Amino acid sequence: MTQTALDFTRPRPGDLFKYGTQCHKIYERLLQQGKITNIEIVYELRIPNSTGRISDIREALKPHLMTVSDAKRTEDGQFEYALIG
């Protein structure tokens, strides 16, 4: 019996999203830093619909057994998302 090797590397942003799109920018930041807040998405990345893009990223990550955490409120009132998997 032969066991197939599993690949646990995370997909690159360009493998999931067209370069420069809102989802590409958010996912790239999640890969680099592991987490991102709604304030960073809106004011640094200039993406007004942060929750919609997070949902899109979750859908794209499902086949890779990954997801983005539910929004967790930080002490200063921001919502933080993290990459899981």
PDB file of N, CA and C in Angstrom:
ATOM      1  N   MET A   1       0.846  -1.176   0.000  1.00  0.00           N
ATOM      2  CA  MET A   1       0.000   0.000   0.000  1.00  0.00           C
ATOM      3  C   MET A   1       0.890   1.236   0.000  1.00  0.00           C
ATOM      4  N   THR A   2       0.581   2.181  -0.853  1.00  0.00           N
ATOM      5  CA  THR A   2       1.361   3.400  -0.963  1.00  0.00           C
ATOM      6  C   THR A   2       0.520   4.583  -0.515  1.00  0.00           C
ATOM      7  N   GLN A   3       1.115   5.392   0.348  1.00  0.00           N
ATOM      8  CA  GLN A   3       0.405   6.585   0.808  1.00  0.00           C
ATOM      9  C   GLN A   3       0.829   7.785  -0.037  1.00  0.00           C
ATOM     10  N   THR A   4      -0.136   8.554  -0.470  1.00  0.00           N
ATOM     11  CA  THR A   4       0.128   9.735  -1.268  1.00  0.00           C
ATOM     12  C   THR A   4       0.627  10.855  -0.364  1.00  0.00           C
ATOM     13  N   ALA A   5       1.643  11.565  -0.816  1.00  0.00           N
ATOM     14  CA  ALA A   5       2.168  12.696  -0.047  1.00  0.00           C
ATOM     15  C   ALA A   5       1.186  13.860  -0.121  1.00  0.00           C
ATOM     16  N   LEU A   6       1.003  14.510   0.986  1.00  0.00           N
ATOM     17  CA  LEU A   6       0.117  15.664   1.046  1.00  0.00           C
ATOM     18  C   LEU A   6       0.927  16.949   0.968  1.00  0.00           C
ATOM     19  N   ASP A   7       0.388  17.920   0.275  1.00  0.00           N
ATOM     20  CA  ASP A   7       1.048  19.212   0.128  1.00  0.00           C
ATOM     21  C   ASP A   7       0.384  20.205   1.081  1.00  0.00           C
ATOM     22  N   PHE A   8       1.133  20.671   2.082  1.00  0.00           N
ATOM     23  CA  PHE A   8       0.580  21.578   3.078  1.00  0.00           C
ATOM     24  C   PHE A   8       0.999  23.032   2.857  1.00  0.00           C
ATOM     25  N   THR A   9       1.528  23.332   1.682  1.00  0.00           N
ATOM     26  CA  THR A   9       1.901  24.715   1.422  1.00  0.00           C
ATOM     27  C   THR A   9       0.652  25.533   1.123  1.00  0.00           C
ATOM     28  N   ARG A  10       0.676  26.763   1.536  1.00  0.00           N
ATOM     29  CA  ARG A  10      -0.467  27.648   1.293  1.00  0.00           C
ATOM     30  C   ARG A  10      -0.419  28.171  -0.139  1.00  0.00           C
ATOM     31  N   PRO A  11      -1.571  28.257  -0.778  1.00  0.00           N
ATOM     32  CA  PRO A  11      -1.568  28.760  -2.155  1.00  0.00           C
ATOM     33  C   PRO A  11      -1.129  30.221  -2.218  1.00  0.00           C
ATOM     34  N   ARG A  12      -0.439  30.559  -3.286  1.00  0.00           N
ATOM     35  CA  ARG A  12      -0.001  31.936  -3.483  1.00  0.00           C
ATOM     36  C   ARG A  12      -1.195  32.798  -3.877  1.00  0.00           C
ATOM     37  N   PRO A  13      -1.131  34.102  -3.581  1.00  0.00           N
ATOM     38  CA  PRO A  13      -2.248  34.982  -3.942  1.00  0.00           C
ATOM     39  C   PRO A  13      -2.603  34.911  -5.422  1.00  0.00           C
ATOM     40  N   GLY A  14      -1.585  34.843  -6.278  1.00  0.00           N
ATOM     41  CA  GLY A  14      -1.818  34.795  -7.716  1.00  0.00           C
ATOM     42  C   GLY A  14      -2.456  33.499  -8.188  1.00  0.00           C
ATOM     43  N   ASP A  15      -2.385  32.444  -7.379  1.00  0.00           N
ATOM     44  CA  ASP A  15      -3.020  31.176  -7.733  1.00  0.00           C
ATOM     45  C   ASP A  15      -4.532  31.235  -7.522  1.00  0.00           C
ATOM     46  N   LEU A  16      -4.979  32.123  -6.645  1.00  0.00           N
ATOM     47  CA  LEU A  16      -6.397  32.197  -6.297  1.00  0.00           C
ATOM     48  C   LEU A  16      -7.115  33.407  -6.887  1.00  0.00           C
ATOM     49  N   PHE A  17      -6.386  34.522  -7.004  1.00  0.00           N
ATOM     50  CA  PHE A  17      -7.025  35.777  -7.393  1.00  0.00           C
ATOM     51  C   PHE A  17      -6.191  36.497  -8.443  1.00  0.00           C
ATOM     52  N   LYS A  18      -6.860  37.236  -9.292  1.00  0.00           N
ATOM     53  CA  LYS A  18      -6.174  38.048 -10.286  1.00  0.00           C
ATOM     54  C   LYS A  18      -5.347  39.118  -9.567  1.00  0.00           C
ATOM     55  N   TYR A  19      -4.134  39.353 -10.060  1.00  0.00           N
ATOM     56  CA  TYR A  19      -3.226  40.313  -9.437  1.00  0.00           C
ATOM     57  C   TYR A  19      -3.875  41.701  -9.332  1.00  0.00           C
ATOM     58  N   GLY A  20      -3.734  42.315  -8.156  1.00  0.00           N
ATOM     59  CA  GLY A  20      -4.207  43.671  -7.937  1.00  0.00           C
ATOM     60  C   GLY A  20      -5.658  43.782  -7.491  1.00  0.00           C
ATOM     61  N   THR A  21      -6.391  42.650  -7.496  1.00  0.00           N
ATOM     62  CA  THR A  21      -7.783  42.715  -7.056  1.00  0.00           C
ATOM     63  C   THR A  21      -7.842  42.887  -5.532  1.00  0.00           C
ATOM     64  N   GLN A  22      -9.007  43.252  -5.051  1.00  0.00           N
ATOM     65  CA  GLN A  22      -9.179  43.454  -3.610  1.00  0.00           C
ATOM     66  C   GLN A  22      -8.886  42.174  -2.832  1.00  0.00           C
ATOM     67  N   CYS A  23      -9.383  41.055  -3.316  1.00  0.00           N
ATOM     68  CA  CYS A  23      -9.132  39.781  -2.628  1.00  0.00           C
ATOM     69  C   CYS A  23      -7.642  39.442  -2.631  1.00  0.00           C
ATOM     70  N   HIS A  24      -6.976  39.695  -3.749  1.00  0.00           N
ATOM     71  CA  HIS A  24      -5.540  39.442  -3.847  1.00  0.00           C
ATOM     72  C   HIS A  24      -4.782  40.255  -2.800  1.00  0.00           C
ATOM     73  N   LYS A  25      -5.119  41.524  -2.658  1.00  0.00           N
ATOM     74  CA  LYS A  25      -4.427  42.398  -1.703  1.00  0.00           C
ATOM     75  C   LYS A  25      -4.641  41.952  -0.258  1.00  0.00           C
ATOM     76  N   ILE A  26      -5.876  41.598   0.080  1.00  0.00           N
ATOM     77  CA  ILE A  26      -6.164  41.173   1.454  1.00  0.00           C
ATOM     78  C   ILE A  26      -5.490  39.839   1.753  1.00  0.00           C
ATOM     79  N   TYR A  27      -5.617  38.875   0.850  1.00  0.00           N
ATOM     80  CA  TYR A  27      -5.013  37.560   1.068  1.00  0.00           C
ATOM     81  C   TYR A  27      -3.493  37.658   1.156  1.00  0.00           C
ATOM     82  N   GLU A  28      -2.898  38.498   0.330  1.00  0.00           N
ATOM     83  CA  GLU A  28      -1.448  38.701   0.377  1.00  0.00           C
ATOM     84  C   GLU A  28      -1.024  39.228   1.752  1.00  0.00           C
ATOM     85  N   ARG A  29      -1.782  40.185   2.286  1.00  0.00           N
ATOM     86  CA  ARG A  29      -1.484  40.734   3.613  1.00  0.00           C
ATOM     87  C   ARG A  29      -1.657  39.663   4.692  1.00  0.00           C
ATOM     88  N   LEU A  30      -2.698  38.846   4.561  1.00  0.00           N
ATOM     89  CA  LEU A  30      -2.901  37.759   5.528  1.00  0.00           C
ATOM     90  C   LEU A  30      -1.733  36.774   5.499  1.00  0.00           C
ATOM     91  N   LEU A  31      -1.231  36.463   4.319  1.00  0.00           N
ATOM     92  CA  LEU A  31      -0.085  35.560   4.228  1.00  0.00           C
ATOM     93  C   LEU A  31       1.164  36.167   4.861  1.00  0.00           C
ATOM     94  N   GLN A  32       1.372  37.452   4.665  1.00  0.00           N
ATOM     95  CA  GLN A  32       2.559  38.117   5.183  1.00  0.00           C
ATOM     96  C   GLN A  32       2.513  38.292   6.695  1.00  0.00           C
ATOM     97  N   GLN A  33       1.347  38.706   7.215  1.00  0.00           N
ATOM     98  CA  GLN A  33       1.260  39.065   8.629  1.00  0.00           C
ATOM     99  C   GLN A  33       0.446  38.084   9.462  1.00  0.00           C
ATOM    100  N   GLY A  34      -0.319  37.220   8.829  1.00  0.00           N
ATOM    101  CA  GLY A  34      -1.117  36.257   9.556  1.00  0.00           C
ATOM    102  C   GLY A  34      -2.459  36.781  10.031  1.00  0.00           C
ATOM    103  N   LYS A  35      -2.594  38.095  10.106  1.00  0.00           N
ATOM    104  CA  LYS A  35      -3.861  38.702  10.530  1.00  0.00           C
ATOM    105  C   LYS A  35      -3.991  40.092   9.924  1.00  0.00           C
ATOM    106  N   ILE A  36      -5.229  40.596   9.941  1.00  0.00           N
ATOM    107  CA  ILE A  36      -5.508  41.924   9.410  1.00  0.00           C
ATOM    108  C   ILE A  36      -6.775  42.436  10.086  1.00  0.00           C
ATOM    109  N   THR A  37      -6.858  43.743  10.287  1.00  0.00           N
ATOM    110  CA  THR A  37      -8.058  44.327  10.893  1.00  0.00           C
ATOM    111  C   THR A  37      -8.909  45.000   9.826  1.00  0.00           C
ATOM    112  N   ASN A  38     -10.174  45.225  10.179  1.00  0.00           N
ATOM    113  CA  ASN A  38     -11.070  45.911   9.246  1.00  0.00           C
ATOM    114  C   ASN A  38     -10.573  47.321   8.954  1.00  0.00           C
ATOM    115  N   ILE A  39      -9.943  47.968   9.912  1.00  0.00           N
ATOM    116  CA  ILE A  39      -9.400  49.324   9.708  1.00  0.00           C
ATOM    117  C   ILE A  39      -8.264  49.292   8.685  1.00  0.00           C
ATOM    118  N   GLU A  40      -7.401  48.288   8.765  1.00  0.00           N
ATOM    119  CA  GLU A  40      -6.315  48.158   7.787  1.00  0.00           C
ATOM    120  C   GLU A  40      -6.874  47.915   6.389  1.00  0.00           C
ATOM    121  N   ILE A  41      -7.911  47.096   6.304  1.00  0.00           N
ATOM    122  CA  ILE A  41      -8.510  46.807   4.997  1.00  0.00           C
ATOM    123  C   ILE A  41      -9.097  48.081   4.388  1.00  0.00           C
ATOM    124  N   VAL A  42      -9.836  48.826   5.192  1.00  0.00           N
ATOM    125  CA  VAL A  42     -10.532  50.011   4.670  1.00  0.00           C
ATOM    126  C   VAL A  42      -9.581  51.178   4.434  1.00  0.00           C
ATOM    127  N   TYR A  43      -8.731  51.490   5.400  1.00  0.00           N
ATOM    128  CA  TYR A  43      -7.930  52.713   5.302  1.00  0.00           C
ATOM    129  C   TYR A  43      -6.540  52.529   4.689  1.00  0.00           C
ATOM    130  N   GLU A  44      -5.914  51.370   4.867  1.00  0.00           N
ATOM    131  CA  GLU A  44      -4.595  51.160   4.265  1.00  0.00           C
ATOM    132  C   GLU A  44      -4.704  50.577   2.851  1.00  0.00           C
ATOM    133  N   LEU A  45      -5.586  49.591   2.700  1.00  0.00           N
ATOM    134  CA  LEU A  45      -5.727  48.959   1.395  1.00  0.00           C
ATOM    135  C   LEU A  45      -6.794  49.636   0.532  1.00  0.00           C
ATOM    136  N   ARG A  46      -7.580  50.527   1.143  1.00  0.00           N
ATOM    137  CA  ARG A  46      -8.621  51.288   0.440  1.00  0.00           C
ATOM    138  C   ARG A  46      -9.693  50.373  -0.164  1.00  0.00           C
ATOM    139  N   ILE A  47     -10.145  49.416   0.657  1.00  0.00           N
ATOM    140  CA  ILE A  47     -11.180  48.484   0.230  1.00  0.00           C
ATOM    141  C   ILE A  47     -12.374  48.662   1.167  1.00  0.00           C
ATOM    142  N   PRO A  48     -13.459  49.302   0.705  1.00  0.00           N
ATOM    143  CA  PRO A  48     -14.574  49.622   1.593  1.00  0.00           C
ATOM    144  C   PRO A  48     -15.414  48.426   2.038  1.00  0.00           C
ATOM    145  N   ASN A  49     -15.539  47.396   1.211  1.00  0.00           N
ATOM    146  CA  ASN A  49     -16.387  46.252   1.551  1.00  0.00           C
ATOM    147  C   ASN A  49     -15.543  45.116   2.121  1.00  0.00           C
ATOM    148  N   SER A  50     -15.027  45.298   3.319  1.00  0.00           N
ATOM    149  CA  SER A  50     -14.109  44.312   3.892  1.00  0.00           C
ATOM    150  C   SER A  50     -14.790  42.968   4.156  1.00  0.00           C
ATOM    151  N   THR A  51     -16.019  42.985   4.664  1.00  0.00           N
ATOM    152  CA  THR A  51     -16.686  41.717   4.986  1.00  0.00           C
ATOM    153  C   THR A  51     -16.999  40.909   3.734  1.00  0.00           C
ATOM    154  N   GLY A  52     -17.365  41.583   2.665  1.00  0.00           N
ATOM    155  CA  GLY A  52     -17.641  40.894   1.411  1.00  0.00           C
ATOM    156  C   GLY A  52     -16.410  40.226   0.836  1.00  0.00           C
ATOM    157  N   ARG A  53     -15.279  40.930   0.898  1.00  0.00           N
ATOM    158  CA  ARG A  53     -14.045  40.357   0.368  1.00  0.00           C
ATOM    159  C   ARG A  53     -13.558  39.200   1.236  1.00  0.00           C
ATOM    160  N   ILE A  54     -13.712  39.298   2.544  1.00  0.00           N
ATOM    161  CA  ILE A  54     -13.324  38.196   3.440  1.00  0.00           C
ATOM    162  C   ILE A  54     -14.146  36.957   3.098  1.00  0.00           C
ATOM    163  N   SER A  55     -15.426  37.130   2.839  1.00  0.00           N
ATOM    164  CA  SER A  55     -16.284  36.001   2.446  1.00  0.00           C
ATOM    165  C   SER A  55     -15.798  35.375   1.141  1.00  0.00           C
ATOM    166  N   ASP A  56     -15.417  36.207   0.178  1.00  0.00           N
ATOM    167  CA  ASP A  56     -14.887  35.702  -1.094  1.00  0.00           C
ATOM    168  C   ASP A  56     -13.606  34.905  -0.882  1.00  0.00           C
ATOM    169  N   ILE A  57     -12.747  35.395  -0.009  1.00  0.00           N
ATOM    170  CA  ILE A  57     -11.481  34.709   0.281  1.00  0.00           C
ATOM    171  C   ILE A  57     -11.754  33.368   0.956  1.00  0.00           C
ATOM    172  N   ARG A  58     -12.696  33.340   1.882  1.00  0.00           N
ATOM    173  CA  ARG A  58     -13.061  32.075   2.537  1.00  0.00           C
ATOM    174  C   ARG A  58     -13.494  31.034   1.504  1.00  0.00           C
ATOM    175  N   GLU A  59     -14.323  31.446   0.560  1.00  0.00           N
ATOM    176  CA  GLU A  59     -14.799  30.532  -0.483  1.00  0.00           C
ATOM    177  C   GLU A  59     -13.639  29.995  -1.317  1.00  0.00           C
ATOM    178  N   ALA A  60     -12.698  30.859  -1.666  1.00  0.00           N
ATOM    179  CA  ALA A  60     -11.559  30.446  -2.487  1.00  0.00           C
ATOM    180  C   ALA A  60     -10.621  29.512  -1.725  1.00  0.00           C
ATOM    181  N   LEU A  61     -10.574  29.641  -0.406  1.00  0.00           N
ATOM    182  CA  LEU A  61      -9.667  28.831   0.405  1.00  0.00           C
ATOM    183  C   LEU A  61     -10.236  27.465   0.786  1.00  0.00           C
ATOM    184  N   LYS A  62     -11.547  27.285   0.683  1.00  0.00           N
ATOM    185  CA  LYS A  62     -12.176  26.015   1.094  1.00  0.00           C
ATOM    186  C   LYS A  62     -11.525  24.782   0.467  1.00  0.00           C
ATOM    187  N   PRO A  63     -11.270  24.756  -0.844  1.00  0.00           N
ATOM    188  CA  PRO A  63     -10.663  23.555  -1.436  1.00  0.00           C
ATOM    189  C   PRO A  63      -9.248  23.275  -0.913  1.00  0.00           C
ATOM    190  N   HIS A  64      -8.630  24.264  -0.296  1.00  0.00           N
ATOM    191  CA  HIS A  64      -7.265  24.117   0.224  1.00  0.00           C
ATOM    192  C   HIS A  64      -7.264  23.836   1.729  1.00  0.00           C
ATOM    193  N   LEU A  65      -8.453  23.540   2.273  1.00  0.00           N
ATOM    194  CA  LEU A  65      -8.624  23.255   3.707  1.00  0.00           C
ATOM    195  C   LEU A  65      -8.121  24.396   4.576  1.00  0.00           C
ATOM    196  N   MET A  66      -8.368  25.599   4.125  1.00  0.00           N
ATOM    197  CA  MET A  66      -7.997  26.803   4.858  1.00  0.00           C
ATOM    198  C   MET A  66      -9.219  27.695   4.956  1.00  0.00           C
ATOM    199  N   THR A  67      -9.155  28.681   5.855  1.00  0.00           N
ATOM    200  CA  THR A  67     -10.218  29.665   5.968  1.00  0.00           C
ATOM    201  C   THR A  67      -9.674  30.916   6.637  1.00  0.00           C
ATOM    202  N   VAL A  68     -10.545  31.898   6.786  1.00  0.00           N
ATOM    203  CA  VAL A  68     -10.246  33.118   7.525  1.00  0.00           C
ATOM    204  C   VAL A  68     -11.155  33.092   8.750  1.00  0.00           C
ATOM    205  N   SER A  69     -10.588  33.382   9.904  1.00  0.00           N
ATOM    206  CA  SER A  69     -11.353  33.326  11.148  1.00  0.00           C
ATOM    207  C   SER A  69     -12.517  34.308  11.143  1.00  0.00           C
ATOM    208  N   ASP A  70     -13.487  34.033  11.995  1.00  0.00           N
ATOM    209  CA  ASP A  70     -14.557  34.996  12.214  1.00  0.00           C
ATOM    210  C   ASP A  70     -13.938  36.250  12.816  1.00  0.00           C
ATOM    211  N   ALA A  71     -14.588  37.381  12.622  1.00  0.00           N
ATOM    212  CA  ALA A  71     -14.069  38.648  13.136  1.00  0.00           C
ATOM    213  C   ALA A  71     -14.012  38.606  14.660  1.00  0.00           C
ATOM    214  N   LYS A  72     -12.854  38.937  15.192  1.00  0.00           N
ATOM    215  CA  LYS A  72     -12.663  38.982  16.641  1.00  0.00           C
ATOM    216  C   LYS A  72     -12.454  40.442  17.032  1.00  0.00           C
ATOM    217  N   ARG A  73     -13.257  40.945  17.954  1.00  0.00           N
ATOM    218  CA  ARG A  73     -13.141  42.346  18.361  1.00  0.00           C
ATOM    219  C   ARG A  73     -11.897  42.531  19.233  1.00  0.00           C
ATOM    220  N   THR A  74     -11.090  43.519  18.871  1.00  0.00           N
ATOM    221  CA  THR A  74      -9.897  43.835  19.649  1.00  0.00           C
ATOM    222  C   THR A  74     -10.254  44.829  20.750  1.00  0.00           C
ATOM    223  N   GLU A  75      -9.321  45.087  21.646  1.00  0.00           N
ATOM    224  CA  GLU A  75      -9.564  45.997  22.762  1.00  0.00           C
ATOM    225  C   GLU A  75      -9.889  47.417  22.313  1.00  0.00           C
ATOM    226  N   ASP A  76      -9.358  47.821  21.168  1.00  0.00           N
ATOM    227  CA  ASP A  76      -9.603  49.183  20.688  1.00  0.00           C
ATOM    228  C   ASP A  76     -10.797  49.267  19.728  1.00  0.00           C
ATOM    229  N   GLY A  77     -11.609  48.205  19.673  1.00  0.00           N
ATOM    230  CA  GLY A  77     -12.848  48.254  18.908  1.00  0.00           C
ATOM    231  C   GLY A  77     -12.745  47.846  17.448  1.00  0.00           C
ATOM    232  N   GLN A  78     -11.569  47.446  17.002  1.00  0.00           N
ATOM    233  CA  GLN A  78     -11.416  46.979  15.625  1.00  0.00           C
ATOM    234  C   GLN A  78     -11.814  45.509  15.544  1.00  0.00           C
ATOM    235  N   PHE A  79     -12.029  45.039  14.341  1.00  0.00           N
ATOM    236  CA  PHE A  79     -12.304  43.622  14.121  1.00  0.00           C
ATOM    237  C   PHE A  79     -11.103  43.017  13.418  1.00  0.00           C
ATOM    238  N   GLU A  80     -10.614  41.911  13.947  1.00  0.00           N
ATOM    239  CA  GLU A  80      -9.407  41.283  13.428  1.00  0.00           C
ATOM    240  C   GLU A  80      -9.745  39.934  12.789  1.00  0.00           C
ATOM    241  N   TYR A  81      -9.161  39.703  11.637  1.00  0.00           N
ATOM    242  CA  TYR A  81      -9.304  38.441  10.913  1.00  0.00           C
ATOM    243  C   TYR A  81      -7.929  37.768  10.874  1.00  0.00           C
ATOM    244  N   ALA A  82      -7.928  36.429  10.939  1.00  0.00           N
ATOM    245  CA  ALA A  82      -6.684  35.681  10.889  1.00  0.00           C
ATOM    246  C   ALA A  82      -6.816  34.522   9.915  1.00  0.00           C
ATOM    247  N   LEU A  83      -5.690  34.129   9.345  1.00  0.00           N
ATOM    248  CA  LEU A  83      -5.641  33.003   8.435  1.00  0.00           C
ATOM    249  C   LEU A  83      -5.547  31.721   9.254  1.00  0.00           C
ATOM    250  N   ILE A  84      -6.385  30.729   8.918  1.00  0.00           N
ATOM    251  CA  ILE A  84      -6.397  29.458   9.638  1.00  0.00           C
ATOM    252  C   ILE A  84      -6.154  28.333   8.646  1.00  0.00           C
ATOM    253  N   GLY A  85      -5.238  27.464   8.993  1.00  0.00           N
ATOM    254  CA  GLY A  85      -4.975  26.296   8.160  1.00  0.00           C
ATOM    255  C   GLY A  85      -3.639  26.330   7.498  1.00  0.00           C
TER     256      GLY A  85
END
